[in-house]
């Protein structure tokens, strides 16, 4: 094996930076694809109401468009404050499933202000229906509708961040086992999520302190969760995780930082709580953890110093997506350099990577090869251990797989180097293979 000094000198700073840049390009593409997927795969209140409105097997029903006069009449019914206000709100929420009706509604003067007034009121039933109307608007793909929702974002953030006394008494009740009142918070959180996905207000949200506010909310949720978390709480936690994750993935040029190791502890508490009953939360937590560690030494260091790596490694076999994300997070850590790779090597990471290489999934194996490359690059002792544990044979089996063979061969070349051989040539071969 090469010494660390020769290895680093052989590849050179330029090569390492090129590898890092190409990795970042792939990461950015993955994040963009995830945001687009989130925007079109809607977690809607429709899942709860389709049956009562005539839907079959969860099929989405889109009503016919209303005329401008019909939309105006619904808005007036909502504004009048009569006994029929709730019925008018319910009818409006149903009508807003139609794209044309959405466009007509937001063009009406005072329409959004009316919804804001209702969901900031103390009338729980009106608040819930107004939140549902907002939810229908928030995931619109129409730029005009998305822009009309901009004034709403600061109110949502204030409500969800704990500045609302009503929301804080509600949170304690929900986490102690009572479900009353959670509905509006869930709809607000999902609405904020879809607004963030639409990229219409993210710079403004960041400047308003969205990241620390959402972090505070997640810390509160995690600290209040009992051992037997009440059903439905996951519907609030999920969009909060997504809001944080997507805001962290923004390329707005706004310098924002979260450096609070309690956030990592909160994520692992949530994972522990929902792992069995709601495994989809695993993916949401791991996406956020990936975005936290991608460009931040702080969270990489904290994850290691808090001894959370064993808990992270336990998630490897949960699912294909969990495996890819865990390996990506490990890559984020390994990319930070020799000291981090040394700590990964000291943890039981390598023994778990060997069975991972035996999996039939090219995406998982490809990410595992990426991690091995970073470990070998920064900490050659890991390569020596890998060989002693049978890693040579594990790599050889991928030489016949087109999308993996080049990277597998590059790693075989590295671990087959005699002691003291020049590092220059194989490192440039690796640069090509992993680009």
Protein backbone atom coordinates (compact mmCIF):
# COMPACT_ATOMS: atom_id res chain seq x y z
CA UNK A 1 0.00 0.00 0.00
CA UNK A 2 1.00 3.57 -0.55
CA UNK A 3 1.97 5.81 2.27
CA UNK A 4 -0.43 8.68 2.89
CA UNK A 5 2.18 11.21 1.84
CA UNK A 6 2.86 9.60 -1.55
CA UNK A 7 -0.80 9.02 -2.20
CA UNK A 8 -1.79 12.62 -1.63
CA UNK A 9 1.16 13.93 -3.62
CA UNK A 10 0.46 11.57 -6.50
CA UNK A 11 -3.12 12.64 -7.04
CA UNK A 12 -2.49 16.31 -6.48
CA UNK A 13 -4.83 19.05 -5.30
CA UNK A 14 -6.26 19.64 -8.74
CA UNK A 15 -7.34 16.02 -9.14
CA UNK A 16 -8.98 15.92 -5.72
CA UNK A 17 -10.86 19.14 -6.45
CA UNK A 18 -12.03 17.78 -9.79
CA UNK A 19 -13.35 14.65 -8.11
CA UNK A 20 -15.11 16.76 -5.52
CA UNK A 21 -16.65 19.01 -8.17
CA UNK A 22 -17.99 16.06 -10.15
CA UNK A 23 -19.43 14.50 -7.00
CA UNK A 24 -21.16 17.77 -6.21
CA UNK A 25 -22.67 17.91 -9.71
CA UNK A 26 -24.17 14.45 -9.22
CA UNK A 27 -25.44 15.42 -5.76
CA UNK A 28 -27.08 18.58 -7.12
CA UNK A 29 -28.82 16.58 -9.85
CA UNK A 30 -30.14 14.10 -7.27
CA UNK A 31 -31.45 16.88 -5.04
CA UNK A 32 -33.17 18.61 -7.94
CA UNK A 33 -34.81 15.35 -8.97
CA UNK A 34 -35.98 14.79 -5.39
CA UNK A 35 -37.57 18.25 -5.14
CA UNK A 36 -39.39 17.70 -8.44
CA UNK A 37 -40.58 14.29 -7.28
CA UNK A 38 -41.86 15.78 -4.02
CA UNK A 39 -43.77 18.46 -5.86
CA UNK A 40 -45.69 16.05 -8.05
CA UNK A 41 -46.18 13.21 -5.55
CA UNK A 42 -48.68 14.96 -3.33
CA UNK A 43 -49.48 13.99 0.25
CA UNK A 44 -52.91 15.51 0.21
CA UNK A 45 -55.83 15.77 2.54
CA UNK A 46 -57.62 14.25 -0.47
CA UNK A 47 -56.48 10.86 0.79
CA UNK A 48 -58.74 11.41 3.80
CA UNK A 49 -61.71 12.90 1.97
CA UNK A 50 -61.86 11.12 -1.40
CA UNK A 51 -64.07 8.30 -0.12
CA UNK A 52 -66.70 10.58 1.36
CA UNK A 53 -66.77 12.59 -1.87
CA UNK A 54 -67.28 9.62 -4.14
CA UNK A 55 -63.74 8.56 -5.03
CA UNK A 56 -62.84 4.91 -5.45
CA UNK A 57 -59.59 3.29 -4.33
CA UNK A 58 -58.03 6.65 -3.50
CA UNK A 59 -58.49 7.92 -7.08
CA UNK A 60 -58.23 11.69 -7.36
CA UNK A 61 -61.37 13.50 -8.50
CA UNK A 62 -60.95 16.93 -10.09
CA UNK A 63 -64.13 19.02 -10.22
CA UNK A 64 -65.22 21.01 -13.23
CA UNK A 65 -64.03 24.64 -13.30
CA UNK A 66 -66.27 27.27 -11.75
CA UNK A 67 -67.16 30.52 -13.48
CA UNK A 68 -65.73 33.76 -12.13
CA UNK A 69 -69.14 34.66 -10.68
CA UNK A 70 -69.34 31.29 -8.89
CA UNK A 71 -65.88 31.74 -7.40
CA UNK A 72 -66.75 35.28 -6.33
CA UNK A 73 -69.94 34.04 -4.67
CA UNK A 74 -67.98 31.43 -2.69
CA UNK A 75 -65.49 34.08 -1.57
CA UNK A 76 -68.31 36.39 -0.46
CA UNK A 77 -69.87 33.51 1.46
CA UNK A 78 -66.57 33.00 3.27
CA UNK A 79 -66.21 36.73 4.00
CA UNK A 80 -69.77 37.32 5.23
CA UNK A 81 -69.28 35.44 8.49
CA UNK A 82 -72.69 33.83 8.30
CA UNK A 83 -73.59 30.39 9.59
CA UNK A 84 -72.88 29.05 6.11
CA UNK A 85 -69.25 30.19 6.22
CA UNK A 86 -67.88 26.73 6.95
CA UNK A 87 -69.96 25.23 4.13
CA UNK A 88 -68.67 27.91 1.76
CA UNK A 89 -65.10 27.14 2.83
CA UNK A 90 -65.62 23.42 2.27
CA UNK A 91 -67.07 24.08 -1.18
CA UNK A 92 -64.16 26.42 -1.96
CA UNK A 93 -61.60 23.82 -0.89
CA UNK A 94 -63.23 21.24 -3.18
CA UNK A 95 -63.39 23.72 -6.08
CA UNK A 96 -59.70 24.65 -5.67
CA UNK A 97 -58.68 21.22 -6.87
CA UNK A 98 -59.29 22.57 -10.34
CA UNK A 99 -56.42 24.53 -11.90
CA UNK A 100 -58.68 27.04 -13.68
CA UNK A 101 -60.63 27.72 -10.49
CA UNK A 102 -57.37 28.31 -8.62
CA UNK A 103 -56.34 30.93 -11.16
CA UNK A 104 -59.71 32.70 -10.92
CA UNK A 105 -59.61 32.65 -7.12
CA UNK A 106 -56.16 34.22 -6.69
CA UNK A 107 -57.08 36.99 -9.15
CA UNK A 108 -59.94 38.11 -6.91
CA UNK A 109 -59.04 41.04 -4.66
CA UNK A 110 -58.72 40.03 -1.02
CA UNK A 111 -58.93 36.29 -1.66
CA UNK A 112 -55.60 35.34 -0.05
CA UNK A 113 -56.04 37.92 2.73
CA UNK A 114 -59.36 36.29 3.58
CA UNK A 115 -57.72 32.88 3.96
CA UNK A 116 -54.94 34.38 6.07
CA UNK A 117 -57.50 35.98 8.34
CA UNK A 118 -59.30 32.70 8.82
CA UNK A 119 -56.33 30.47 9.47
CA UNK A 120 -54.95 32.97 11.99
CA UNK A 121 -58.30 33.16 13.79
CA UNK A 122 -59.21 31.33 17.00
CA UNK A 123 -62.04 29.40 15.35
CA UNK A 124 -60.62 25.89 15.07
CA UNK A 125 -63.05 24.56 12.44
CA UNK A 126 -62.61 27.64 10.22
CA UNK A 127 -58.87 27.51 10.72
CA UNK A 128 -58.77 23.91 9.54
CA UNK A 129 -60.85 24.53 6.41
CA UNK A 130 -58.80 27.63 5.53
CA UNK A 131 -55.62 25.59 5.97
CA UNK A 132 -57.00 22.99 3.58
CA UNK A 133 -57.82 25.68 1.00
CA UNK A 134 -54.27 26.94 1.30
CA UNK A 135 -52.97 23.40 0.94
CA UNK A 136 -54.81 23.00 -2.35
CA UNK A 137 -53.25 26.22 -3.63
CA UNK A 138 -49.74 25.57 -2.34
CA UNK A 139 -48.87 22.67 -4.63
CA UNK A 140 -50.05 24.40 -7.80
CA UNK A 141 -47.65 24.30 -10.74
CA UNK A 142 -48.97 27.65 -11.98
CA UNK A 143 -46.44 30.47 -11.30
CA UNK A 144 -49.24 33.02 -10.78
CA UNK A 145 -50.88 30.87 -8.09
CA UNK A 146 -47.54 30.18 -6.43
CA UNK A 147 -46.73 33.90 -6.40
CA UNK A 148 -50.12 34.68 -4.86
CA UNK A 149 -49.22 32.38 -1.96
CA UNK A 150 -46.11 34.43 -1.06
CA UNK A 151 -47.81 36.56 1.65
CA UNK A 152 -48.81 33.35 3.41
CA UNK A 153 -45.31 32.05 4.07
CA UNK A 154 -44.39 34.35 6.96
CA UNK A 155 -47.63 33.46 8.76
CA UNK A 156 -47.00 29.75 8.29
CA UNK A 157 -43.48 30.10 9.61
CA UNK A 158 -44.62 32.08 12.64
CA UNK A 159 -47.29 29.52 13.44
CA UNK A 160 -45.06 26.49 13.01
CA UNK A 161 -41.96 27.90 14.68
CA UNK A 162 -43.57 28.01 18.09
CA UNK A 163 -44.18 31.76 18.17
CA UNK A 164 -47.86 30.85 18.28
CA UNK A 165 -49.00 30.10 21.81
CA UNK A 166 -51.87 28.07 20.42
CA UNK A 167 -49.54 25.86 18.45
CA UNK A 168 -47.22 25.30 21.48
CA UNK A 169 -50.22 24.14 23.93
CA UNK A 170 -51.47 21.99 20.87
CA UNK A 171 -48.01 20.34 20.48
CA UNK A 172 -47.92 19.25 24.10
CA UNK A 173 -51.43 17.86 23.89
CA UNK A 174 -50.71 15.94 20.73
CA UNK A 175 -47.48 14.47 22.06
CA UNK A 176 -49.21 13.37 25.22
CA UNK A 177 -51.63 11.29 23.20
CA UNK A 178 -54.46 13.64 22.21
CA UNK A 179 -55.08 14.20 18.51
CA UNK A 180 -57.35 17.25 18.64
CA UNK A 181 -55.89 20.26 16.91
CA UNK A 182 -53.10 18.54 15.03
CA UNK A 183 -54.91 18.80 11.69
CA UNK A 184 -54.28 22.49 11.04
CA UNK A 185 -50.59 22.19 11.92
CA UNK A 186 -50.23 19.25 9.52
CA UNK A 187 -51.86 21.17 6.68
CA UNK A 188 -49.75 24.27 7.37
CA UNK A 189 -46.55 22.22 7.38
CA UNK A 190 -47.40 20.50 4.09
CA UNK A 191 -48.41 23.83 2.55
CA UNK A 192 -45.07 25.34 3.52
CA UNK A 193 -43.36 22.27 2.06
CA UNK A 194 -45.05 22.68 -1.32
CA UNK A 195 -44.34 26.42 -1.39
CA UNK A 196 -40.64 25.66 -0.77
CA UNK A 197 -40.68 23.03 -3.54
CA UNK A 198 -42.05 25.61 -5.96
CA UNK A 199 -38.99 27.91 -5.41
CA UNK A 200 -41.16 31.03 -5.27
CA UNK A 201 -40.32 32.27 -1.78
CA UNK A 202 -37.21 30.49 -0.58
CA UNK A 203 -34.87 33.47 -0.53
CA UNK A 204 -37.46 35.40 1.47
CA UNK A 205 -38.01 32.44 3.80
CA UNK A 206 -34.29 32.13 4.45
CA UNK A 207 -34.03 35.83 5.23
CA UNK A 208 -36.99 35.49 7.62
CA UNK A 209 -35.08 32.86 9.59
CA UNK A 210 -36.86 29.79 8.27
CA UNK A 211 -33.96 27.43 8.98
CA UNK A 212 -33.56 28.22 12.70
CA UNK A 213 -37.33 28.36 13.14
CA UNK A 214 -37.89 24.94 11.56
CA UNK A 215 -34.90 23.55 13.45
CA UNK A 216 -36.46 24.75 16.70
CA UNK A 217 -39.74 23.10 15.76
CA UNK A 218 -38.04 19.79 14.99
CA UNK A 219 -36.16 19.92 18.30
CA UNK A 220 -39.43 20.54 20.12
CA UNK A 221 -41.15 17.67 18.34
CA UNK A 222 -38.31 15.26 19.08
CA UNK A 223 -38.08 16.27 22.74
CA UNK A 224 -41.81 15.81 23.33
CA UNK A 225 -42.25 12.47 21.57
CA UNK A 226 -43.17 9.74 24.07
CA UNK A 227 -42.17 6.12 23.61
CA UNK A 228 -45.57 5.36 22.07
CA UNK A 229 -45.91 8.31 19.71
CA UNK A 230 -49.52 9.21 18.87
CA UNK A 231 -50.78 8.20 15.45
CA UNK A 232 -50.67 11.08 13.00
CA UNK A 233 -47.65 12.86 14.44
CA UNK A 234 -45.56 11.47 11.59
CA UNK A 235 -47.69 13.55 9.18
CA UNK A 236 -46.37 16.68 10.88
CA UNK A 237 -42.77 15.53 11.26
CA UNK A 238 -42.45 14.46 7.62
CA UNK A 239 -43.08 17.88 5.98
CA UNK A 240 -40.93 19.64 8.59
CA UNK A 241 -38.04 17.32 7.67
CA UNK A 242 -38.66 18.01 3.98
CA UNK A 243 -38.83 21.79 4.48
CA UNK A 244 -35.48 21.80 6.25
CA UNK A 245 -33.89 19.45 3.75
CA UNK A 246 -35.03 21.39 0.69
CA UNK A 247 -34.07 24.78 2.12
CA UNK A 248 -30.59 23.44 2.91
CA UNK A 249 -30.31 22.27 -0.70
CA UNK A 250 -31.12 25.74 -2.05
CA UNK A 251 -28.53 27.55 -4.14
CA UNK A 252 -29.74 31.04 -3.34
CA UNK A 253 -26.43 32.64 -2.50
CA UNK A 254 -27.81 33.48 0.94
CA UNK A 255 -25.31 32.59 3.64
CA UNK A 256 -27.22 30.59 6.23
CA UNK A 257 -25.84 28.20 8.76
CA UNK A 258 -27.26 25.81 11.30
CA UNK A 259 -24.65 24.56 13.69
CA UNK A 260 -26.56 22.81 16.43
CA UNK A 261 -25.59 19.24 17.24
CA UNK A 262 -28.96 18.79 18.96
CA UNK A 263 -30.43 18.56 15.47
CA UNK A 264 -28.55 15.29 14.90
CA UNK A 265 -29.77 13.91 18.22
CA UNK A 266 -33.34 14.90 17.29
CA UNK A 267 -33.06 13.09 13.95
CA UNK A 268 -31.90 9.87 15.56
CA UNK A 269 -34.61 10.08 18.25
CA UNK A 270 -37.20 10.42 15.49
CA UNK A 271 -35.65 7.49 13.63
CA UNK A 272 -35.76 5.35 16.74
CA UNK A 273 -39.37 6.25 17.42
CA UNK A 274 -40.81 5.72 13.92
CA UNK A 275 -38.49 3.03 12.54
CA UNK A 276 -40.93 0.15 12.93
CA UNK A 277 -44.38 1.66 12.34
CA UNK A 278 -43.52 4.35 9.79
CA UNK A 279 -40.37 3.34 7.91
CA UNK A 280 -40.86 6.09 5.32
CA UNK A 281 -39.56 8.51 7.96
CA UNK A 282 -36.14 6.83 7.60
CA UNK A 283 -35.73 8.19 4.09
CA UNK A 284 -36.83 11.69 5.13
CA UNK A 285 -34.36 11.79 8.05
CA UNK A 286 -31.54 10.48 5.88
CA UNK A 287 -32.17 13.07 3.15
CA UNK A 288 -31.91 15.81 5.76
CA UNK A 289 -28.79 14.23 7.25
CA UNK A 290 -27.26 14.04 3.78
CA UNK A 291 -27.92 17.73 3.16
CA UNK A 292 -26.54 18.65 6.58
CA UNK A 293 -23.29 16.76 6.04
CA UNK A 294 -22.74 17.52 2.35
CA UNK A 295 -20.78 20.74 2.79
CA UNK A 296 -20.50 21.05 6.56
CA UNK A 297 -17.53 19.88 8.59
CA UNK A 298 -19.51 20.71 11.72
CA UNK A 299 -22.17 18.02 11.30
CA UNK A 300 -19.68 15.45 10.04
CA UNK A 301 -17.58 15.99 13.16
CA UNK A 302 -20.64 16.02 15.43
CA UNK A 303 -21.96 12.77 14.00
CA UNK A 304 -18.67 11.07 14.84
CA UNK A 305 -18.10 12.73 18.22
CA UNK A 306 -21.64 11.94 19.39
CA UNK A 307 -21.01 8.28 18.51
CA UNK A 308 -24.01 8.18 16.14
CA UNK A 309 -22.19 6.27 13.40
CA UNK A 310 -23.20 2.79 14.69
CA UNK A 311 -26.87 3.83 14.65
CA UNK A 312 -26.43 5.16 11.11
CA UNK A 313 -24.79 1.93 9.92
CA UNK A 314 -27.71 -0.09 11.31
CA UNK A 315 -29.94 1.57 8.71
CA UNK A 316 -27.95 0.16 5.77
CA UNK A 317 -30.20 -2.89 5.18
CA UNK A 318 -33.53 -1.06 5.67
CA UNK A 319 -34.23 -0.43 1.98
CA UNK A 320 -32.53 0.35 -1.31
CA UNK A 321 -32.96 4.10 -0.85
CA UNK A 322 -31.81 3.92 2.78
CA UNK A 323 -28.68 2.04 1.70
CA UNK A 324 -27.84 4.62 -0.96
CA UNK A 325 -28.41 7.52 1.44
CA UNK A 326 -26.41 5.99 4.30
CA UNK A 327 -23.51 5.37 1.92
CA UNK A 328 -23.82 8.91 0.55
CA UNK A 329 -23.66 10.35 4.08
CA UNK A 330 -20.57 8.24 4.74
CA UNK A 331 -19.08 9.64 1.51
CA UNK A 332 -19.81 13.16 2.76
CA UNK A 333 -17.83 12.37 5.90
CA UNK A 334 -14.98 10.59 4.10
CA UNK A 335 -14.60 13.46 1.66
CA UNK A 336 -13.57 15.75 4.51
CA UNK A 337 -10.11 14.17 4.61
CA UNK A 338 -7.73 11.79 6.39
CA UNK A 339 -8.82 12.48 9.97
CA UNK A 340 -12.43 11.65 9.12
CA UNK A 341 -11.48 8.57 7.13
CA UNK A 342 -9.36 7.37 10.01
CA UNK A 343 -12.38 7.55 12.31
CA UNK A 344 -14.56 5.74 9.76
CA UNK A 345 -11.90 3.05 9.55
CA UNK A 346 -11.85 2.67 13.33
CA UNK A 347 -15.63 2.19 13.37
CA UNK A 348 -17.13 -1.10 12.08
CA UNK A 349 -17.71 0.32 8.60
CA UNK A 350 -15.56 -1.97 6.43
CA UNK A 351 -17.10 -5.27 7.63
CA UNK A 352 -20.52 -3.91 6.64
CA UNK A 353 -19.34 -2.75 3.22
CA UNK A 354 -18.32 -6.24 2.11
CA UNK A 355 -21.88 -7.67 2.25
CA UNK A 356 -23.10 -4.44 0.66
CA UNK A 357 -20.83 -5.12 -2.32
CA UNK A 358 -22.56 -8.49 -2.72
CA UNK A 359 -25.97 -6.91 -3.25
CA UNK A 360 -27.53 -7.12 -6.74
CA UNK A 361 -28.40 -3.40 -6.82
CA UNK A 362 -26.00 -1.36 -9.03
CA UNK A 363 -26.95 1.94 -7.35
CA UNK A 364 -26.09 0.66 -3.89
CA UNK A 365 -22.90 -1.03 -5.06
CA UNK A 366 -21.88 2.05 -7.06
CA UNK A 367 -22.22 4.26 -3.98
CA UNK A 368 -20.27 1.70 -1.95
CA UNK A 369 -17.45 1.84 -4.51
CA UNK A 370 -17.50 5.63 -4.24
CA UNK A 371 -17.04 5.36 -0.48
CA UNK A 372 -14.19 2.87 -0.82
CA UNK A 373 -12.48 5.19 -3.27
CA UNK A 374 -12.59 8.07 -0.78
CA UNK A 375 -11.39 5.87 2.07
CA UNK A 376 -8.48 4.52 0.03
CA UNK A 377 -7.63 8.02 -1.19
CA UNK A 378 -7.39 9.57 2.27
CA UNK A 379 -6.52 6.60 4.49
CA UNK A 380 -4.59 3.80 2.69
CA UNK A 381 -4.61 1.68 5.85
CA UNK A 382 -8.29 1.07 5.09
CA UNK A 383 -7.32 -0.45 1.74
CA UNK A 384 -4.93 -2.87 3.47
CA UNK A 385 -7.67 -3.95 5.86
CA UNK A 386 -10.11 -4.29 2.98
CA UNK A 387 -7.79 -6.74 1.23
CA UNK A 388 -7.26 -8.77 4.41
CA UNK A 389 -11.04 -9.12 4.80
CA UNK A 390 -11.51 -10.51 1.28
CA UNK A 391 -12.24 -7.27 -0.51
CA UNK A 392 -10.29 -8.28 -3.63
CA UNK A 393 -12.78 -11.04 -4.40
CA UNK A 394 -15.74 -8.75 -3.62
CA UNK A 395 -14.53 -6.27 -6.24
CA UNK A 396 -13.76 -8.90 -8.88
CA UNK A 397 -17.39 -9.97 -9.14
CA UNK A 398 -18.32 -6.54 -10.53
CA UNK A 399 -15.87 -6.56 -13.41
CA UNK A 400 -18.52 -7.98 -15.71
CA UNK A 401 -21.20 -5.35 -14.87
CA UNK A 402 -20.97 -2.51 -17.43
CA UNK A 403 -21.93 0.37 -15.14
CA UNK A 404 -19.60 -0.83 -12.36
CA UNK A 405 -16.66 -2.49 -14.07
CA UNK A 406 -14.55 0.63 -14.61
CA UNK A 407 -14.77 1.74 -10.99
CA UNK A 408 -14.29 -1.79 -9.67
CA UNK A 409 -11.19 -2.22 -11.85
CA UNK A 410 -9.78 1.12 -10.68
CA UNK A 411 -10.06 -0.01 -7.07
CA UNK A 412 -8.53 -3.39 -7.93
CA UNK A 413 -5.60 -1.57 -9.48
CA UNK A 414 -5.13 0.44 -6.31
CA UNK A 415 -5.23 -2.46 -3.85
CA UNK A 416 -2.95 -4.46 -6.15
CA UNK A 417 -0.20 -1.85 -6.07
CA UNK A 418 3.07 -3.11 -4.58
CA UNK A 419 4.40 -1.16 -1.64
CA UNK A 420 6.25 1.98 -2.76
CA UNK A 421 4.84 2.01 -6.31
CA UNK A 422 4.04 5.34 -7.92
CA UNK A 423 0.61 6.66 -7.06
CA UNK A 424 0.31 9.00 -10.04
CA UNK A 425 -1.05 6.70 -12.75
CA UNK A 426 -3.68 4.68 -10.85
CA UNK A 427 -5.04 7.79 -9.16
CA UNK A 428 -5.71 9.41 -12.52
CA UNK A 429 -7.35 6.17 -13.62
CA UNK A 430 -9.61 6.44 -10.56
CA UNK A 431 -10.37 10.05 -11.38
CA UNK A 432 -11.69 8.96 -14.76
CA UNK A 433 -13.57 5.95 -13.41
CA UNK A 434 -15.41 7.88 -10.70
CA UNK A 435 -16.38 10.89 -12.82
